[in-house]
Amino acid sequence: MDVSCCLPLAERRVPAEAAAVLAPAFKALGDPVRLQLLSMIASAESGEICVCDLTPAFDLTGPTISHHLRTLREAGLVDAERRGTWVYYRARTGILRQLAALLTVAPAT
């Protein structure tokens, strides 16, 4: 799906197909840990971040962080690449743009 499909929801009803694609991403972001993880991944200076840099930022076990990262991957919000023993994550900017476009609200007049 391309970004142009998603006019702001304040301007037009969201088509069923777009809602079906985007709803899992919104659901994934409904968890505070996943929202923080996505923020860390999306704001990484090099455009990607190692799981070894994500895990210490939370008072959670490695398997719990892995679960949250898997949820973000399954929702289409991040991509992952294994390099040796570590996994590197990068945000999928296309879907982030779609979510942002959908939530865009015109400035108050």
PDB file of N, CA and C in Angstrom:
ATOM      1  N   MET A   1       0.849  -1.171   0.000  1.00  0.00           N
ATOM      2  CA  MET A   1       0.000   0.000   0.000  1.00  0.00           C
ATOM      3  C   MET A   1       0.893   1.230   0.000  1.00  0.00           C
ATOM      4  N   ASP A   2       0.511   2.227  -0.753  1.00  0.00           N
ATOM      5  CA  ASP A   2       1.356   3.417  -0.801  1.00  0.00           C
ATOM      6  C   ASP A   2       0.739   4.542   0.023  1.00  0.00           C
ATOM      7  N   VAL A   3       1.582   5.485   0.412  1.00  0.00           N
ATOM      8  CA  VAL A   3       1.186   6.538   1.339  1.00  0.00           C
ATOM      9  C   VAL A   3      -0.009   7.333   0.820  1.00  0.00           C
ATOM     10  N   SER A   4      -0.101   7.526  -0.487  1.00  0.00           N
ATOM     11  CA  SER A   4      -1.172   8.338  -1.045  1.00  0.00           C
ATOM     12  C   SER A   4      -2.544   7.721  -0.814  1.00  0.00           C
ATOM     13  N   CYS A   5      -2.593   6.460  -0.397  1.00  0.00           N
ATOM     14  CA  CYS A   5      -3.876   5.805  -0.161  1.00  0.00           C
ATOM     15  C   CYS A   5      -4.548   6.324   1.085  1.00  0.00           C
ATOM     16  N   CYS A   6      -3.751   6.931   1.958  1.00  0.00           N
ATOM     17  CA  CYS A   6      -4.278   7.244   3.290  1.00  0.00           C
ATOM     18  C   CYS A   6      -4.432   8.741   3.508  1.00  0.00           C
ATOM     19  N   LEU A   7      -5.589   9.253   3.159  1.00  0.00           N
ATOM     20  CA  LEU A   7      -5.879  10.642   3.478  1.00  0.00           C
ATOM     21  C   LEU A   7      -6.143  10.722   4.968  1.00  0.00           C
ATOM     22  N   PRO A   8      -5.952  11.868   5.568  1.00  0.00           N
ATOM     23  CA  PRO A   8      -6.220  11.995   7.000  1.00  0.00           C
ATOM     24  C   PRO A   8      -7.638  11.533   7.350  1.00  0.00           C
ATOM     25  N   LEU A   9      -7.755  10.822   8.453  1.00  0.00           N
ATOM     26  CA  LEU A   9      -9.064  10.291   8.830  1.00  0.00           C
ATOM     27  C   LEU A   9     -10.062  11.382   9.166  1.00  0.00           C
ATOM     28  N   ALA A  10      -9.570  12.596   9.432  1.00  0.00           N
ATOM     29  CA  ALA A  10     -10.471  13.717   9.674  1.00  0.00           C
ATOM     30  C   ALA A  10     -11.056  14.258   8.367  1.00  0.00           C
ATOM     31  N   GLU A  11     -10.503  13.820   7.234  1.00  0.00           N
ATOM     32  CA  GLU A  11     -10.970  14.297   5.936  1.00  0.00           C
ATOM     33  C   GLU A  11     -11.805  13.269   5.188  1.00  0.00           C
ATOM     34  N   ARG A  12     -11.535  11.995   5.451  1.00  0.00           N
ATOM     35  CA  ARG A  12     -12.218  10.953   4.698  1.00  0.00           C
ATOM     36  C   ARG A  12     -12.251   9.666   5.502  1.00  0.00           C
ATOM     37  N   ARG A  13     -13.277   8.918   5.324  1.00  0.00           N
ATOM     38  CA  ARG A  13     -13.398   7.620   5.979  1.00  0.00           C
ATOM     39  C   ARG A  13     -12.256   6.721   5.522  1.00  0.00           C
ATOM     40  N   VAL A  14     -11.666   5.987   6.461  1.00  0.00           N
ATOM     41  CA  VAL A  14     -10.568   5.071   6.143  1.00  0.00           C
ATOM     42  C   VAL A  14     -11.146   3.857   5.413  1.00  0.00           C
ATOM     43  N   PRO A  15     -10.627   3.549   4.220  1.00  0.00           N
ATOM     44  CA  PRO A  15     -11.107   2.369   3.506  1.00  0.00           C
ATOM     45  C   PRO A  15     -10.821   1.093   4.313  1.00  0.00           C
ATOM     46  N   ALA A  16     -11.689   0.113   4.185  1.00  0.00           N
ATOM     47  CA  ALA A  16     -11.555  -1.142   4.934  1.00  0.00           C
ATOM     48  C   ALA A  16     -10.205  -1.801   4.701  1.00  0.00           C
ATOM     49  N   GLU A  17      -9.716  -1.758   3.461  1.00  0.00           N
ATOM     50  CA  GLU A  17      -8.434  -2.399   3.149  1.00  0.00           C
ATOM     51  C   GLU A  17      -7.288  -1.711   3.889  1.00  0.00           C
ATOM     52  N   ALA A  18      -7.311  -0.391   3.912  1.00  0.00           N
ATOM     53  CA  ALA A  18      -6.260   0.358   4.607  1.00  0.00           C
ATOM     54  C   ALA A  18      -6.353   0.115   6.107  1.00  0.00           C
ATOM     55  N   ALA A  19      -7.563   0.085   6.634  1.00  0.00           N
ATOM     56  CA  ALA A  19      -7.745  -0.156   8.072  1.00  0.00           C
ATOM     57  C   ALA A  19      -7.202  -1.529   8.452  1.00  0.00           C
ATOM     58  N   ALA A  20      -7.436  -2.522   7.621  1.00  0.00           N
ATOM     59  CA  ALA A  20      -6.968  -3.881   7.905  1.00  0.00           C
ATOM     60  C   ALA A  20      -5.443  -3.956   7.910  1.00  0.00           C
ATOM     61  N   VAL A  21      -4.807  -3.165   7.054  1.00  0.00           N
ATOM     62  CA  VAL A  21      -3.345  -3.166   6.983  1.00  0.00           C
ATOM     63  C   VAL A  21      -2.730  -2.368   8.131  1.00  0.00           C
ATOM     64  N   LEU A  22      -3.321  -1.239   8.470  1.00  0.00           N
ATOM     65  CA  LEU A  22      -2.726  -0.332   9.450  1.00  0.00           C
ATOM     66  C   LEU A  22      -3.098  -0.643  10.900  1.00  0.00           C
ATOM     67  N   ALA A  23      -4.225  -1.294  11.130  1.00  0.00           N
ATOM     68  CA  ALA A  23      -4.663  -1.569  12.501  1.00  0.00           C
ATOM     69  C   ALA A  23      -3.638  -2.371  13.313  1.00  0.00           C
ATOM     70  N   PRO A  24      -2.991  -3.407  12.750  1.00  0.00           N
ATOM     71  CA  PRO A  24      -1.987  -4.127  13.545  1.00  0.00           C
ATOM     72  C   PRO A  24      -0.817  -3.235  13.985  1.00  0.00           C
ATOM     73  N   ALA A  25      -0.467  -2.255  13.161  1.00  0.00           N
ATOM     74  CA  ALA A  25       0.614  -1.344  13.535  1.00  0.00           C
ATOM     75  C   ALA A  25       0.184  -0.475  14.707  1.00  0.00           C
ATOM     76  N   PHE A  26      -1.035   0.044  14.654  1.00  0.00           N
ATOM     77  CA  PHE A  26      -1.528   0.845  15.775  1.00  0.00           C
ATOM     78  C   PHE A  26      -1.636  -0.007  17.037  1.00  0.00           C
ATOM     79  N   LYS A  27      -2.096  -1.235  16.883  1.00  0.00           N
ATOM     80  CA  LYS A  27      -2.212  -2.126  18.038  1.00  0.00           C
ATOM     81  C   LYS A  27      -0.838  -2.376  18.660  1.00  0.00           C
ATOM     82  N   ALA A  28       0.162  -2.622  17.822  1.00  0.00           N
ATOM     83  CA  ALA A  28       1.520  -2.858  18.323  1.00  0.00           C
ATOM     84  C   ALA A  28       2.043  -1.653  19.082  1.00  0.00           C
ATOM     85  N   LEU A  29       1.697  -0.466  18.623  1.00  0.00           N
ATOM     86  CA  LEU A  29       2.176   0.763  19.266  1.00  0.00           C
ATOM     87  C   LEU A  29       1.401   1.108  20.524  1.00  0.00           C
ATOM     88  N   GLY A  30       0.357   0.341  20.836  1.00  0.00           N
ATOM     89  CA  GLY A  30      -0.426   0.571  22.028  1.00  0.00           C
ATOM     90  C   GLY A  30       0.263   0.139  23.310  1.00  0.00           C
ATOM     91  N   ASP A  31       1.431  -0.460  23.198  1.00  0.00           N
ATOM     92  CA  ASP A  31       2.196  -0.885  24.368  1.00  0.00           C
ATOM     93  C   ASP A  31       3.338   0.109  24.591  1.00  0.00           C
ATOM     94  N   PRO A  32       3.509   0.614  25.821  1.00  0.00           N
ATOM     95  CA  PRO A  32       4.548   1.625  26.069  1.00  0.00           C
ATOM     96  C   PRO A  32       5.967   1.156  25.748  1.00  0.00           C
ATOM     97  N   VAL A  33       6.276  -0.102  26.021  1.00  0.00           N
ATOM     98  CA  VAL A  33       7.622  -0.607  25.732  1.00  0.00           C
ATOM     99  C   VAL A  33       7.854  -0.637  24.232  1.00  0.00           C
ATOM    100  N   ARG A  34       6.867  -1.106  23.481  1.00  0.00           N
ATOM    101  CA  ARG A  34       7.029  -1.160  22.020  1.00  0.00           C
ATOM    102  C   ARG A  34       7.118   0.237  21.427  1.00  0.00           C
ATOM    103  N   LEU A  35       6.366   1.174  21.971  1.00  0.00           N
ATOM    104  CA  LEU A  35       6.453   2.554  21.490  1.00  0.00           C
ATOM    105  C   LEU A  35       7.849   3.112  21.743  1.00  0.00           C
ATOM    106  N   GLN A  36       8.407   2.841  22.923  1.00  0.00           N
ATOM    107  CA  GLN A  36       9.772   3.293  23.224  1.00  0.00           C
ATOM    108  C   GLN A  36      10.791   2.595  22.328  1.00  0.00           C
ATOM    109  N   LEU A  37      10.634   1.298  22.115  1.00  0.00           N
ATOM    110  CA  LEU A  37      11.557   0.570  21.244  1.00  0.00           C
ATOM    111  C   LEU A  37      11.532   1.155  19.834  1.00  0.00           C
ATOM    112  N   LEU A  38      10.334   1.386  19.296  1.00  0.00           N
ATOM    113  CA  LEU A  38      10.247   1.944  17.952  1.00  0.00           C
ATOM    114  C   LEU A  38      10.884   3.324  17.901  1.00  0.00           C
ATOM    115  N   SER A  39      10.689   4.110  18.939  1.00  0.00           N
ATOM    116  CA  SER A  39      11.305   5.434  18.992  1.00  0.00           C
ATOM    117  C   SER A  39      12.828   5.322  18.970  1.00  0.00           C
ATOM    118  N   MET A  40      13.368   4.386  19.743  1.00  0.00           N
ATOM    119  CA  MET A  40      14.825   4.195  19.766  1.00  0.00           C
ATOM    120  C   MET A  40      15.341   3.731  18.404  1.00  0.00           C
ATOM    121  N   ILE A  41      14.597   2.844  17.758  1.00  0.00           N
ATOM    122  CA  ILE A  41      15.006   2.318  16.460  1.00  0.00           C
ATOM    123  C   ILE A  41      14.922   3.419  15.399  1.00  0.00           C
ATOM    124  N   ALA A  42      13.800   4.114  15.355  1.00  0.00           N
ATOM    125  CA  ALA A  42      13.594   5.147  14.327  1.00  0.00           C
ATOM    126  C   ALA A  42      14.539   6.327  14.483  1.00  0.00           C
ATOM    127  N   SER A  43      14.963   6.609  15.713  1.00  0.00           N
ATOM    128  CA  SER A  43      15.831   7.770  15.932  1.00  0.00           C
ATOM    129  C   SER A  43      17.316   7.417  15.973  1.00  0.00           C
ATOM    130  N   ALA A  44      17.653   6.165  15.716  1.00  0.00           N
ATOM    131  CA  ALA A  44      19.060   5.758  15.717  1.00  0.00           C
ATOM    132  C   ALA A  44      19.829   6.558  14.665  1.00  0.00           C
ATOM    133  N   GLU A  45      20.970   7.092  15.052  1.00  0.00           N
ATOM    134  CA  GLU A  45      21.747   7.957  14.159  1.00  0.00           C
ATOM    135  C   GLU A  45      22.101   7.300  12.832  1.00  0.00           C
ATOM    136  N   SER A  46      22.459   6.020  12.879  1.00  0.00           N
ATOM    137  CA  SER A  46      22.879   5.339  11.659  1.00  0.00           C
ATOM    138  C   SER A  46      21.702   4.752  10.888  1.00  0.00           C
ATOM    139  N   GLY A  47      20.482   4.930  11.401  1.00  0.00           N
ATOM    140  CA  GLY A  47      19.313   4.385  10.740  1.00  0.00           C
ATOM    141  C   GLY A  47      18.980   2.975  11.185  1.00  0.00           C
ATOM    142  N   GLU A  48      19.842   2.415  12.018  1.00  0.00           N
ATOM    143  CA  GLU A  48      19.598   1.081  12.568  1.00  0.00           C
ATOM    144  C   GLU A  48      20.250   0.986  13.933  1.00  0.00           C
ATOM    145  N   ILE A  49      19.797  -0.013  14.705  1.00  0.00           N
ATOM    146  CA  ILE A  49      20.330  -0.170  16.051  1.00  0.00           C
ATOM    147  C   ILE A  49      20.391  -1.653  16.392  1.00  0.00           C
ATOM    148  N   CYS A  50      21.410  -2.015  17.136  1.00  0.00           N
ATOM    149  CA  CYS A  50      21.615  -3.400  17.553  1.00  0.00           C
ATOM    150  C   CYS A  50      20.738  -3.704  18.763  1.00  0.00           C
ATOM    151  N   VAL A  51      20.222  -4.911  18.808  1.00  0.00           N
ATOM    152  CA  VAL A  51      19.446  -5.328  19.969  1.00  0.00           C
ATOM    153  C   VAL A  51      20.274  -5.196  21.240  1.00  0.00           C
ATOM    154  N   CYS A  52      21.591  -5.307  21.107  1.00  0.00           N
ATOM    155  CA  CYS A  52      22.480  -5.169  22.268  1.00  0.00           C
ATOM    156  C   CYS A  52      22.433  -3.756  22.848  1.00  0.00           C
ATOM    157  N   ASP A  53      22.003  -2.776  22.065  1.00  0.00           N
ATOM    158  CA  ASP A  53      21.858  -1.407  22.556  1.00  0.00           C
ATOM    159  C   ASP A  53      20.440  -1.123  23.052  1.00  0.00           C
ATOM    160  N   LEU A  54      19.489  -1.941  22.644  1.00  0.00           N
ATOM    161  CA  LEU A  54      18.105  -1.754  23.066  1.00  0.00           C
ATOM    162  C   LEU A  54      17.835  -2.377  24.432  1.00  0.00           C
ATOM    163  N   THR A  55      18.311  -3.577  24.629  1.00  0.00           N
ATOM    164  CA  THR A  55      17.995  -4.336  25.841  1.00  0.00           C
ATOM    165  C   THR A  55      18.373  -3.625  27.134  1.00  0.00           C
ATOM    166  N   PRO A  56      19.579  -3.032  27.254  1.00  0.00           N
ATOM    167  CA  PRO A  56      19.949  -2.389  28.517  1.00  0.00           C
ATOM    168  C   PRO A  56      19.091  -1.173  28.891  1.00  0.00           C
ATOM    169  N   ALA A  57      18.341  -0.637  27.952  1.00  0.00           N
ATOM    170  CA  ALA A  57      17.528   0.549  28.213  1.00  0.00           C
ATOM    171  C   ALA A  57      16.261   0.225  29.013  1.00  0.00           C
ATOM    172  N   PHE A  58      15.995  -1.064  29.220  1.00  0.00           N
ATOM    173  CA  PHE A  58      14.765  -1.476  29.885  1.00  0.00           C
ATOM    174  C   PHE A  58      15.079  -2.408  31.052  1.00  0.00           C
ATOM    175  N   ASP A  59      14.225  -2.378  32.038  1.00  0.00           N
ATOM    176  CA  ASP A  59      14.337  -3.279  33.177  1.00  0.00           C
ATOM    177  C   ASP A  59      13.485  -4.519  32.889  1.00  0.00           C
ATOM    178  N   LEU A  60      13.781  -5.159  31.761  1.00  0.00           N
ATOM    179  CA  LEU A  60      13.051  -6.340  31.304  1.00  0.00           C
ATOM    180  C   LEU A  60      14.045  -7.405  30.874  1.00  0.00           C
ATOM    181  N   THR A  61      13.605  -8.643  30.835  1.00  0.00           N
ATOM    182  CA  THR A  61      14.484  -9.732  30.399  1.00  0.00           C
ATOM    183  C   THR A  61      14.677  -9.686  28.888  1.00  0.00           C
ATOM    184  N   GLY A  62      15.736 -10.317  28.430  1.00  0.00           N
ATOM    185  CA  GLY A  62      16.005 -10.417  26.995  1.00  0.00           C
ATOM    186  C   GLY A  62      14.847 -11.041  26.227  1.00  0.00           C
ATOM    187  N   PRO A  63      14.284 -12.165  26.722  1.00  0.00           N
ATOM    188  CA  PRO A  63      13.148 -12.760  26.013  1.00  0.00           C
ATOM    189  C   PRO A  63      11.933 -11.823  25.912  1.00  0.00           C
ATOM    190  N   THR A  64      11.711 -10.999  26.921  1.00  0.00           N
ATOM    191  CA  THR A  64      10.589 -10.057  26.867  1.00  0.00           C
ATOM    192  C   THR A  64      10.837  -8.997  25.804  1.00  0.00           C
ATOM    193  N   ILE A  65      12.056  -8.479  25.743  1.00  0.00           N
ATOM    194  CA  ILE A  65      12.410  -7.507  24.700  1.00  0.00           C
ATOM    195  C   ILE A  65      12.262  -8.160  23.327  1.00  0.00           C
ATOM    196  N   SER A  66      12.724  -9.394  23.196  1.00  0.00           N
ATOM    197  CA  SER A  66      12.599 -10.119  21.923  1.00  0.00           C
ATOM    198  C   SER A  66      11.140 -10.258  21.511  1.00  0.00           C
ATOM    199  N   HIS A  67      10.276 -10.538  22.462  1.00  0.00           N
ATOM    200  CA  HIS A  67       8.841 -10.646  22.171  1.00  0.00           C
ATOM    201  C   HIS A  67       8.308  -9.324  21.619  1.00  0.00           C
ATOM    202  N   HIS A  68       8.661  -8.220  22.263  1.00  0.00           N
ATOM    203  CA  HIS A  68       8.190  -6.911  21.805  1.00  0.00           C
ATOM    204  C   HIS A  68       8.741  -6.584  20.418  1.00  0.00           C
ATOM    205  N   LEU A  69       9.996  -6.902  20.169  1.00  0.00           N
ATOM    206  CA  LEU A  69      10.588  -6.650  18.854  1.00  0.00           C
ATOM    207  C   LEU A  69       9.929  -7.516  17.783  1.00  0.00           C
ATOM    208  N   ARG A  70       9.607  -8.753  18.121  1.00  0.00           N
ATOM    209  CA  ARG A  70       8.916  -9.634  17.171  1.00  0.00           C
ATOM    210  C   ARG A  70       7.532  -9.053  16.835  1.00  0.00           C
ATOM    211  N   THR A  71       6.846  -8.525  17.841  1.00  0.00           N
ATOM    212  CA  THR A  71       5.537  -7.901  17.601  1.00  0.00           C
ATOM    213  C   THR A  71       5.667  -6.720  16.652  1.00  0.00           C
ATOM    214  N   LEU A  72       6.698  -5.902  16.828  1.00  0.00           N
ATOM    215  CA  LEU A  72       6.931  -4.772  15.927  1.00  0.00           C
ATOM    216  C   LEU A  72       7.227  -5.254  14.507  1.00  0.00           C
ATOM    217  N   ARG A  73       8.008  -6.337  14.393  1.00  0.00           N
ATOM    218  CA  ARG A  73       8.299  -6.906  13.065  1.00  0.00           C
ATOM    219  C   ARG A  73       7.029  -7.430  12.411  1.00  0.00           C
ATOM    220  N   GLU A  74       6.240  -8.186  13.167  1.00  0.00           N
ATOM    221  CA  GLU A  74       5.022  -8.775  12.615  1.00  0.00           C
ATOM    222  C   GLU A  74       4.006  -7.712  12.211  1.00  0.00           C
ATOM    223  N   ALA A  75       4.036  -6.574  12.868  1.00  0.00           N
ATOM    224  CA  ALA A  75       3.143  -5.471  12.528  1.00  0.00           C
ATOM    225  C   ALA A  75       3.666  -4.665  11.341  1.00  0.00           C
ATOM    226  N   GLY A  76       4.854  -4.999  10.856  1.00  0.00           N
ATOM    227  CA  GLY A  76       5.425  -4.320   9.700  1.00  0.00           C
ATOM    228  C   GLY A  76       6.098  -2.999  10.009  1.00  0.00           C
ATOM    229  N   LEU A  77       6.365  -2.742  11.292  1.00  0.00           N
ATOM    230  CA  LEU A  77       6.953  -1.463  11.680  1.00  0.00           C
ATOM    231  C   LEU A  77       8.473  -1.435  11.610  1.00  0.00           C
ATOM    232  N   VAL A  78       9.115  -2.590  11.726  1.00  0.00           N
ATOM    233  CA  VAL A  78      10.577  -2.653  11.676  1.00  0.00           C
ATOM    234  C   VAL A  78      11.015  -3.840  10.842  1.00  0.00           C
ATOM    235  N   ASP A  79      12.219  -3.739  10.337  1.00  0.00           N
ATOM    236  CA  ASP A  79      12.907  -4.848   9.677  1.00  0.00           C
ATOM    237  C   ASP A  79      14.069  -5.253  10.562  1.00  0.00           C
ATOM    238  N   ALA A  80      14.468  -6.501  10.467  1.00  0.00           N
ATOM    239  CA  ALA A  80      15.577  -7.009  11.272  1.00  0.00           C
ATOM    240  C   ALA A  80      16.560  -7.745  10.386  1.00  0.00           C
ATOM    241  N   GLU A  81      17.840  -7.654  10.751  1.00  0.00           N
ATOM    242  CA  GLU A  81      18.894  -8.353  10.016  1.00  0.00           C
ATOM    243  C   GLU A  81      19.883  -8.930  11.021  1.00  0.00           C
ATOM    244  N   ARG A  82      20.084 -10.228  10.950  1.00  0.00           N
ATOM    245  CA  ARG A  82      21.043 -10.889  11.827  1.00  0.00           C
ATOM    246  C   ARG A  82      22.449 -10.722  11.255  1.00  0.00           C
ATOM    247  N   ARG A  83      23.364 -10.317  12.144  1.00  0.00           N
ATOM    248  CA  ARG A  83      24.778 -10.199  11.789  1.00  0.00           C
ATOM    249  C   ARG A  83      25.555 -10.896  12.884  1.00  0.00           C
ATOM    250  N   GLY A  84      25.996 -12.096  12.612  1.00  0.00           N
ATOM    251  CA  GLY A  84      26.684 -12.877  13.630  1.00  0.00           C
ATOM    252  C   GLY A  84      25.725 -13.230  14.743  1.00  0.00           C
ATOM    253  N   THR A  85      26.058 -12.861  15.960  1.00  0.00           N
ATOM    254  CA  THR A  85      25.193 -13.187  17.095  1.00  0.00           C
ATOM    255  C   THR A  85      24.174 -12.100  17.391  1.00  0.00           C
ATOM    256  N   TRP A  86      24.284 -10.945  16.735  1.00  0.00           N
ATOM    257  CA  TRP A  86      23.402  -9.822  17.037  1.00  0.00           C
ATOM    258  C   TRP A  86      22.396  -9.581  15.923  1.00  0.00           C
ATOM    259  N   VAL A  87      21.273  -8.988  16.293  1.00  0.00           N
ATOM    260  CA  VAL A  87      20.252  -8.605  15.326  1.00  0.00           C
ATOM    261  C   VAL A  87      20.160  -7.080  15.323  1.00  0.00           C
ATOM    262  N   TYR A  88      20.126  -6.512  14.135  1.00  0.00           N
ATOM    263  CA  TYR A  88      20.024  -5.068  13.958  1.00  0.00           C
ATOM    264  C   TYR A  88      18.631  -4.731  13.427  1.00  0.00           C
ATOM    265  N   TYR A  89      18.050  -3.671  13.959  1.00  0.00           N
ATOM    266  CA  TYR A  89      16.698  -3.267  13.603  1.00  0.00           C
ATOM    267  C   TYR A  89      16.705  -1.899  12.948  1.00  0.00           C
ATOM    268  N   ARG A  90      15.804  -1.717  11.990  1.00  0.00           N
ATOM    269  CA  ARG A  90      15.607  -0.414  11.358  1.00  0.00           C
ATOM    270  C   ARG A  90      14.106  -0.220  11.121  1.00  0.00           C
ATOM    271  N   ALA A  91      13.675   1.009  11.259  1.00  0.00           N
ATOM    272  CA  ALA A  91      12.258   1.337  11.088  1.00  0.00           C
ATOM    273  C   ALA A  91      11.880   1.258   9.617  1.00  0.00           C
ATOM    274  N   ARG A  92      10.666   0.849   9.371  1.00  0.00           N
ATOM    275  CA  ARG A  92      10.110   0.844   8.019  1.00  0.00           C
ATOM    276  C   ARG A  92       9.374   2.174   7.843  1.00  0.00           C
ATOM    277  N   THR A  93      10.064   3.108   7.223  1.00  0.00           N
ATOM    278  CA  THR A  93       9.559   4.482   7.149  1.00  0.00           C
ATOM    279  C   THR A  93       8.272   4.602   6.330  1.00  0.00           C
ATOM    280  N   GLY A  94       8.052   3.730   5.387  1.00  0.00           N
ATOM    281  CA  GLY A  94       6.832   3.798   4.580  1.00  0.00           C
ATOM    282  C   GLY A  94       5.582   3.677   5.426  1.00  0.00           C
ATOM    283  N   ILE A  95       5.541   2.664   6.285  1.00  0.00           N
ATOM    284  CA  ILE A  95       4.347   2.491   7.119  1.00  0.00           C
ATOM    285  C   ILE A  95       4.247   3.591   8.171  1.00  0.00           C
ATOM    286  N   LEU A  96       5.399   4.085   8.655  1.00  0.00           N
ATOM    287  CA  LEU A  96       5.351   5.202   9.606  1.00  0.00           C
ATOM    288  C   LEU A  96       4.760   6.440   8.943  1.00  0.00           C
ATOM    289  N   ARG A  97       5.096   6.661   7.679  1.00  0.00           N
ATOM    290  CA  ARG A  97       4.509   7.794   6.946  1.00  0.00           C
ATOM    291  C   ARG A  97       3.004   7.606   6.773  1.00  0.00           C
ATOM    292  N   GLN A  98       2.589   6.367   6.504  1.00  0.00           N
ATOM    293  CA  GLN A  98       1.158   6.088   6.353  1.00  0.00           C
ATOM    294  C   GLN A  98       0.408   6.384   7.648  1.00  0.00           C
ATOM    295  N   LEU A  99       0.972   5.923   8.774  1.00  0.00           N
ATOM    296  CA  LEU A  99       0.336   6.173  10.067  1.00  0.00           C
ATOM    297  C   LEU A  99       0.265   7.672  10.341  1.00  0.00           C
ATOM    298  N   ALA A 100       1.359   8.376  10.065  1.00  0.00           N
ATOM    299  CA  ALA A 100       1.391   9.821  10.294  1.00  0.00           C
ATOM    300  C   ALA A 100       0.384  10.539   9.403  1.00  0.00           C
ATOM    301  N   ALA A 101       0.308  10.144   8.132  1.00  0.00           N
ATOM    302  CA  ALA A 101      -0.634  10.773   7.206  1.00  0.00           C
ATOM    303  C   ALA A 101      -2.069  10.554   7.672  1.00  0.00           C
ATOM    304  N   LEU A 102      -2.360   9.375   8.136  1.00  0.00           N
ATOM    305  CA  LEU A 102      -3.707   9.059   8.595  1.00  0.00           C
ATOM    306  C   LEU A 102      -4.105   9.910   9.796  1.00  0.00           C
ATOM    307  N   LEU A 103      -3.142  10.218  10.672  1.00  0.00           N
ATOM    308  CA  LEU A 103      -3.430  10.977  11.889  1.00  0.00           C
ATOM    309  C   LEU A 103      -3.243  12.479  11.748  1.00  0.00           C
ATOM    310  N   THR A 104      -2.870  12.943  10.562  1.00  0.00           N
ATOM    311  CA  THR A 104      -2.654  14.362  10.352  1.00  0.00           C
ATOM    312  C   THR A 104      -3.968  15.133  10.554  1.00  0.00           C
ATOM    313  N   VAL A 105      -3.865  16.203  11.308  1.00  0.00           N
ATOM    314  CA  VAL A 105      -5.016  17.057  11.571  1.00  0.00           C
ATOM    315  C   VAL A 105      -4.650  18.468  11.132  1.00  0.00           C
ATOM    316  N   ALA A 106      -5.577  19.120  10.445  1.00  0.00           N
ATOM    317  CA  ALA A 106      -5.333  20.488  10.001  1.00  0.00           C
ATOM    318  C   ALA A 106      -5.185  21.401  11.213  1.00  0.00           C
ATOM    319  N   PRO A 107      -4.300  22.390  11.114  1.00  0.00           N
ATOM    320  CA  PRO A 107      -4.139  23.325  12.238  1.00  0.00           C
ATOM    321  C   PRO A 107      -5.450  24.054  12.520  1.00  0.00           C
ATOM    322  N   ALA A 108      -5.671  24.346  13.786  1.00  0.00           N
ATOM    323  CA  ALA A 108      -6.870  25.086  14.181  1.00  0.00           C
ATOM    324  C   ALA A 108      -6.812  26.489  13.601  1.00  0.00           C
ATOM    325  N   THR A 109      -7.950  26.978  13.166  1.00  0.00           N
ATOM    326  CA  THR A 109      -7.968  28.324  12.564  1.00  0.00           C
ATOM    327  C   THR A 109      -8.452  29.344  13.555  1.00  0.00           C
TER     328      THR A 109
END
